[in-house]
N, C-alpha and C. Protein backbone atom coordinates (compact mmCIF):
# COMPACT_ATOMS: atom_id res chain seq x y z
N MET A 1 -27.94 22.76 -3.53
CA MET A 1 -26.64 22.87 -2.69
C MET A 1 -26.83 21.83 -1.37
N PRO A 2 -26.20 21.08 -1.29
CA PRO A 2 -26.24 20.10 0.14
C PRO A 2 -25.73 20.49 1.02
N ARG A 3 -26.36 20.56 2.61
CA ARG A 3 -26.56 21.08 3.81
C ARG A 3 -24.93 20.64 4.11
N PRO A 4 -24.28 21.28 4.85
CA PRO A 4 -22.79 21.12 5.47
C PRO A 4 -23.25 19.80 6.36
N THR A 5 -22.09 18.89 6.72
CA THR A 5 -22.66 17.97 7.55
C THR A 5 -22.09 18.38 9.07
N ALA A 6 -22.15 17.52 10.03
CA ALA A 6 -21.59 18.23 11.44
C ALA A 6 -19.98 18.15 11.35
N ALA A 7 -19.40 17.11 10.92
CA ALA A 7 -18.31 17.15 10.56
C ALA A 7 -17.74 18.27 9.85
N GLN A 8 -18.45 19.09 8.84
CA GLN A 8 -17.50 19.80 8.18
C GLN A 8 -17.76 21.04 9.08
N LEU A 9 -18.82 21.23 9.56
CA LEU A 9 -19.11 22.29 10.67
C LEU A 9 -18.03 22.41 11.79
N ALA A 10 -17.84 21.39 12.45
CA ALA A 10 -16.63 21.12 13.44
C ALA A 10 -15.28 21.63 12.94
N TYR A 11 -15.09 20.76 11.84
CA TYR A 11 -13.55 20.90 11.40
C TYR A 11 -13.47 22.42 10.58
N GLY A 12 -14.10 22.85 10.13
CA GLY A 12 -14.13 24.37 9.74
C GLY A 12 -14.36 25.38 10.79
N SER A 13 -15.36 24.93 11.88
CA SER A 13 -15.26 26.23 12.90
C SER A 13 -14.15 26.13 13.49
N ALA A 14 -13.55 24.91 14.01
CA ALA A 14 -12.00 24.63 15.13
C ALA A 14 -10.79 25.52 14.02
N THR A 15 -10.95 24.78 12.65
CA THR A 15 -9.95 25.59 12.00
C THR A 15 -9.93 27.36 12.06
N VAL A 16 -10.91 27.84 12.11
CA VAL A 16 -11.20 29.46 11.94
C VAL A 16 -10.61 29.71 13.40
N VAL A 17 -11.08 29.32 14.36
CA VAL A 17 -10.63 29.51 16.01
C VAL A 17 -9.07 29.36 15.79
N CYS A 18 -8.44 28.08 15.71
CA CYS A 18 -7.14 27.88 16.03
C CYS A 18 -6.32 28.82 15.19
N SER A 19 -6.52 29.10 13.69
CA SER A 19 -5.35 30.05 13.21
C SER A 19 -5.51 31.17 13.34
N THR A 20 -6.85 31.59 13.60
CA THR A 20 -6.78 33.15 14.00
C THR A 20 -6.33 33.23 15.17
N LEU A 21 -6.09 32.72 16.41
CA LEU A 21 -5.40 32.67 17.39
C LEU A 21 -4.12 32.22 17.16
N ALA A 22 -3.76 31.42 16.49
CA ALA A 22 -2.25 31.34 16.31
C ALA A 22 -1.37 32.49 15.17
N MET A 23 -2.34 32.54 14.07
CA MET A 23 -1.91 34.27 13.37
C MET A 23 -1.78 35.75 14.45
N LEU A 24 -2.86 35.47 14.99
CA LEU A 24 -2.65 36.57 16.04
C LEU A 24 -1.91 37.07 16.54
N LEU A 25 -1.40 35.69 17.66
CA LEU A 25 -0.31 35.48 18.61
C LEU A 25 1.47 35.46 17.88
N LEU A 26 1.21 34.95 16.62
CA LEU A 26 2.70 35.09 15.93
C LEU A 26 2.74 36.62 15.03
N SER A 27 1.74 36.93 14.71
CA SER A 27 1.76 38.02 14.23
C SER A 27 2.33 39.58 15.49
N GLY A 28 1.31 39.35 16.05
CA GLY A 28 1.92 40.55 16.96
C GLY A 28 0.94 41.80 16.80
N THR A 29 0.05 41.61 15.52
CA THR A 29 -0.55 42.89 15.15
C THR A 29 -1.82 43.60 16.22
N SER A 30 -1.79 44.82 16.37
CA SER A 30 -2.63 45.27 17.18
C SER A 30 -3.49 46.03 16.63
N THR A 31 -3.35 46.60 15.15
CA THR A 31 -4.22 47.48 14.28
C THR A 31 -5.46 46.82 13.85
N GLY A 32 -6.32 47.59 13.83
CA GLY A 32 -7.79 47.07 13.41
C GLY A 32 -7.63 46.34 11.96
N ILE A 33 -6.83 46.79 11.23
CA ILE A 33 -6.87 46.37 9.45
C ILE A 33 -6.00 45.11 9.60
N GLY A 34 -5.04 44.85 10.51
CA GLY A 34 -4.54 43.73 10.39
C GLY A 34 -5.22 42.39 11.30
N VAL A 35 -5.67 42.95 11.97
CA VAL A 35 -6.87 42.03 13.03
C VAL A 35 -7.92 41.58 11.80
N ALA A 36 -8.48 42.48 10.69
CA ALA A 36 -9.50 42.01 10.12
C ALA A 36 -8.82 41.37 9.01
N VAL A 37 -7.90 41.15 8.58
CA VAL A 37 -6.92 40.37 7.30
C VAL A 37 -6.98 39.20 8.16
N ILE A 38 -6.45 38.96 9.16
CA ILE A 38 -5.96 37.81 10.00
C ILE A 38 -7.43 37.15 10.20
N GLY A 39 -8.20 37.81 10.31
CA GLY A 39 -9.77 37.16 10.55
C GLY A 39 -9.85 36.67 9.19
N ILE A 40 -10.06 37.74 8.31
CA ILE A 40 -10.30 37.03 6.59
C ILE A 40 -9.72 35.82 6.11
N ALA A 41 -8.39 36.03 6.55
CA ALA A 41 -7.54 34.75 5.95
C ALA A 41 -7.96 33.40 6.90
N ALA A 42 -8.36 33.42 7.95
CA ALA A 42 -9.22 32.46 9.11
C ALA A 42 -10.01 31.60 8.39
N LEU A 43 -10.96 32.74 8.01
CA LEU A 43 -12.30 32.32 7.24
C LEU A 43 -12.00 31.56 6.27
N ALA A 44 -11.21 31.87 5.42
CA ALA A 44 -11.04 31.49 3.93
C ALA A 44 -10.20 30.38 4.02
N LEU A 45 -9.18 29.99 5.40
CA LEU A 45 -8.71 28.59 5.38
C LEU A 45 -10.01 27.54 6.27
N GLY A 46 -10.73 28.50 6.97
CA GLY A 46 -11.95 27.54 7.64
C GLY A 46 -12.88 26.68 6.80
N LEU A 47 -12.83 27.66 5.46
CA LEU A 47 -14.04 27.10 4.45
C LEU A 47 -13.28 26.14 3.42
N LEU A 48 -12.31 26.43 3.45
CA LEU A 48 -11.36 25.48 2.65
C LEU A 48 -11.46 23.79 2.91
N VAL A 49 -10.84 24.15 4.28
CA VAL A 49 -10.80 22.60 5.11
C VAL A 49 -12.51 22.02 5.43
N ALA A 50 -13.74 23.08 5.56
CA ALA A 50 -15.06 22.55 5.66
C ALA A 50 -15.15 21.90 4.08
N LEU A 51 -14.76 22.27 3.31
CA LEU A 51 -14.98 21.70 2.05
C LEU A 51 -13.95 20.88 1.33
N THR A 52 -13.15 20.39 2.53
CA THR A 52 -12.45 19.33 1.76
C THR A 52 -12.57 18.05 2.33
N VAL A 53 -13.61 18.26 3.51
CA VAL A 53 -13.74 17.11 4.42
C VAL A 53 -14.75 15.93 3.54
N PRO A 54 -14.61 14.60 3.55
CA PRO A 54 -15.42 13.98 2.45
C PRO A 54 -16.47 13.63 3.00
N LEU A 55 -17.36 13.84 1.65
CA LEU A 55 -18.88 13.44 2.25
C LEU A 55 -19.23 12.19 2.57
N PRO A 56 -20.16 11.76 3.39
CA PRO A 56 -20.72 10.26 3.73
C PRO A 56 -20.31 9.35 2.52
N GLY A 57 -21.48 10.23 1.63
CA GLY A 57 -22.06 9.23 0.17
C GLY A 57 -20.44 9.23 -0.52
N ARG A 58 -19.92 10.12 -0.56
CA ARG A 58 -18.58 10.09 -1.39
C ARG A 58 -17.36 9.24 -1.02
N ALA A 59 -17.23 9.10 0.55
CA ALA A 59 -16.51 8.14 1.01
C ALA A 59 -16.77 6.45 0.66
N ARG A 60 -18.01 6.48 0.89
CA ARG A 60 -18.78 4.99 0.55
C ARG A 60 -18.27 4.36 -0.93
N ALA A 61 -18.66 5.61 -2.09
CA ALA A 61 -18.58 5.62 -3.50
C ALA A 61 -17.12 5.24 -3.78
N ALA A 62 -16.27 6.03 -3.20
CA ALA A 62 -14.92 5.62 -3.34
C ALA A 62 -14.16 4.66 -3.14
N ARG A 63 -14.88 3.56 -1.60
CA ARG A 63 -14.45 2.78 -1.56
C ARG A 63 -14.87 1.37 -2.44
N ALA A 64 -16.43 1.73 -2.52
CA ALA A 64 -17.06 0.64 -3.71
C ALA A 64 -16.19 0.54 -4.76
N ALA A 65 -15.64 2.11 -5.82
CA ALA A 65 -14.88 2.02 -6.77
C ALA A 65 -13.59 1.12 -6.59
N GLY A 66 -13.30 1.37 -5.35
CA GLY A 66 -11.43 0.74 -4.91
C GLY A 66 -11.72 -0.75 -5.15
N GLY A 67 -13.16 -1.36 -5.19
CA GLY A 67 -13.04 -2.69 -5.36
C GLY A 67 -13.78 -3.27 -4.51
N ALA A 68 -14.82 -4.35 -4.67
CA ALA A 68 -15.20 -5.26 -3.54
C ALA A 68 -14.61 -6.23 -2.87
N ARG A 69 -14.80 -6.55 -1.65
CA ARG A 69 -13.60 -7.17 -1.01
C ARG A 69 -14.61 -8.15 -0.03
N THR A 70 -13.83 -9.29 0.15
CA THR A 70 -15.05 -10.35 0.83
C THR A 70 -14.46 -9.92 2.50
N ALA A 71 -15.36 -10.84 3.19
CA ALA A 71 -15.19 -11.12 4.71
C ALA A 71 -13.70 -10.81 5.30
N ALA A 72 -12.79 -11.94 4.82
CA ALA A 72 -11.63 -11.97 4.81
C ALA A 72 -10.77 -10.89 4.48
N GLY A 73 -11.17 -10.12 3.55
CA GLY A 73 -10.35 -8.93 3.12
C GLY A 73 -9.67 -8.95 1.76
N ALA A 74 -9.78 -10.17 1.11
CA ALA A 74 -9.66 -10.28 -0.05
C ALA A 74 -10.25 -10.30 -1.10
N PRO A 75 -9.76 -9.65 -2.20
CA PRO A 75 -10.50 -8.90 -3.28
C PRO A 75 -11.63 -10.04 -3.76
N THR A 76 -12.59 -9.95 -4.25
CA THR A 76 -13.44 -10.67 -4.96
C THR A 76 -12.89 -10.62 -6.58
N GLY A 77 -13.02 -11.66 -7.03
CA GLY A 77 -12.63 -11.54 -8.35
C GLY A 77 -12.67 -13.15 -8.90
N THR A 78 -11.83 -12.89 -9.99
CA THR A 78 -11.89 -14.43 -10.56
C THR A 78 -10.82 -15.44 -9.78
N GLY A 79 -11.33 -16.42 -9.39
CA GLY A 79 -10.35 -17.48 -8.55
C GLY A 79 -9.92 -16.65 -7.06
N GLY A 80 -10.20 -15.90 -6.69
CA GLY A 80 -9.46 -15.12 -5.33
C GLY A 80 -8.31 -14.72 -5.61
N GLU A 81 -7.62 -14.36 -6.97
CA GLU A 81 -6.11 -14.29 -6.92
C GLU A 81 -5.79 -12.58 -6.21
N THR A 82 -5.00 -12.85 -5.41
CA THR A 82 -4.80 -11.90 -4.41
C THR A 82 -3.53 -10.54 -4.95
N GLY A 83 -2.46 -11.61 -5.39
CA GLY A 83 -1.54 -11.33 -5.57
C GLY A 83 -1.03 -10.80 -7.27
N LYS A 84 -2.17 -11.29 -7.80
CA LYS A 84 -1.83 -10.97 -9.66
C LYS A 84 -2.72 -9.60 -9.88
N ALA A 85 -1.66 -8.95 -10.75
CA ALA A 85 -2.53 -7.87 -11.09
C ALA A 85 -3.80 -8.20 -12.20
N ARG A 86 -4.67 -7.44 -12.38
CA ARG A 86 -5.48 -7.94 -13.48
C ARG A 86 -5.18 -7.02 -14.65
N VAL A 87 -5.45 -7.83 -15.57
CA VAL A 87 -4.95 -7.18 -17.02
C VAL A 87 -6.37 -6.64 -17.57
N PRO A 88 -6.72 -5.38 -17.98
CA PRO A 88 -8.04 -4.92 -18.60
C PRO A 88 -8.33 -5.38 -19.62
N ALA A 89 -9.55 -6.02 -20.72
CA ALA A 89 -9.54 -6.54 -21.80
C ALA A 89 -9.20 -5.36 -22.69
N ALA A 90 -9.35 -4.12 -22.84
CA ALA A 90 -8.83 -3.63 -23.98
C ALA A 90 -7.06 -3.83 -24.20
N ARG A 91 -6.25 -4.12 -23.45
CA ARG A 91 -4.60 -4.57 -23.50
C ARG A 91 -4.47 -5.80 -23.40
N ALA A 92 -5.37 -6.33 -23.13
CA ALA A 92 -4.63 -8.01 -23.28
C ALA A 92 -4.61 -8.40 -25.01
N HIS A 93 -5.21 -7.22 -25.73
CA HIS A 93 -5.04 -7.64 -27.16
C HIS A 93 -4.08 -6.53 -27.88
N ALA A 94 -3.49 -5.99 -27.03
CA ALA A 94 -2.65 -4.71 -27.92
C ALA A 94 -1.45 -5.49 -28.82
N GLY A 95 -1.08 -6.64 -28.51
CA GLY A 95 -0.21 -7.04 -29.71
C GLY A 95 -1.03 -7.96 -30.91
N ALA A 96 -1.83 -7.41 -30.90
CA ALA A 96 -3.09 -8.43 -32.25
C ALA A 96 -2.70 -7.36 -33.35
N GLY A 97 -2.90 -8.02 -34.52
CA GLY A 97 -2.72 -7.54 -35.75
C GLY A 97 -2.96 -5.96 -35.96
N ALA A 98 -2.84 -5.45 -37.22
CA ALA A 98 -2.86 -4.06 -37.79
C ALA A 98 -4.57 -3.73 -37.37
N GLU A 99 -5.43 -4.48 -37.79
CA GLU A 99 -6.45 -4.52 -38.08
C GLU A 99 -7.48 -4.20 -36.76
N SER A 100 -6.82 -4.84 -35.62
CA SER A 100 -7.38 -4.45 -34.53
C SER A 100 -7.05 -2.79 -34.00
N ARG A 101 -6.07 -2.10 -34.45
CA ARG A 101 -5.50 -1.20 -33.88
C ARG A 101 -6.11 0.24 -35.26
N PHE A 102 -6.73 -0.57 -36.12
CA PHE A 102 -7.24 0.83 -37.18
C PHE A 102 -8.26 1.79 -36.43
N GLY A 103 -7.59 3.29 -36.81
CA GLY A 103 -8.28 4.11 -36.32
C GLY A 103 -8.03 4.84 -35.29
N GLN A 104 -6.76 4.12 -34.35
CA GLN A 104 -6.17 4.93 -33.13
C GLN A 104 -5.04 5.74 -34.02
N HIS A 105 -4.78 6.51 -32.91
CA HIS A 105 -3.59 7.66 -33.35
C HIS A 105 -2.37 6.79 -32.76
N SER A 106 -1.29 7.67 -33.86
CA SER A 106 -0.05 6.89 -33.65
C SER A 106 0.87 7.82 -33.09
N LEU A 107 2.12 7.83 -32.80
CA LEU A 107 2.88 8.77 -32.53
C LEU A 107 3.90 8.89 -33.70
N ARG A 108 4.19 7.45 -34.76
CA ARG A 108 4.90 7.57 -35.66
C ARG A 108 4.02 7.28 -36.82
N ARG A 109 4.63 8.00 -37.96
CA ARG A 109 3.99 8.17 -39.43
C ARG A 109 4.35 7.08 -40.39
């Protein structure tokens, strides 16, 4: 299991503290059970926030999967076309004859 990053620890801790104070002030509870329930809920919320903070490696991988970009900001590709959508090779031949669709599923029988 990877170690948590500093951002995950900071966001999670801040969430626990802020949500605990907010829930205690809004609920007005003074019993031990009420404070314990609020504390457990705040810890669960802090854990959720800490786990949803993107890891540095995942952020880089997501940017790389989104497409490579040049220094000018235009996507790299064939001819530097920025306004045209790219058509995948599998969809380019969608209108081909029945032999290209052999073995594919169909909604019509």
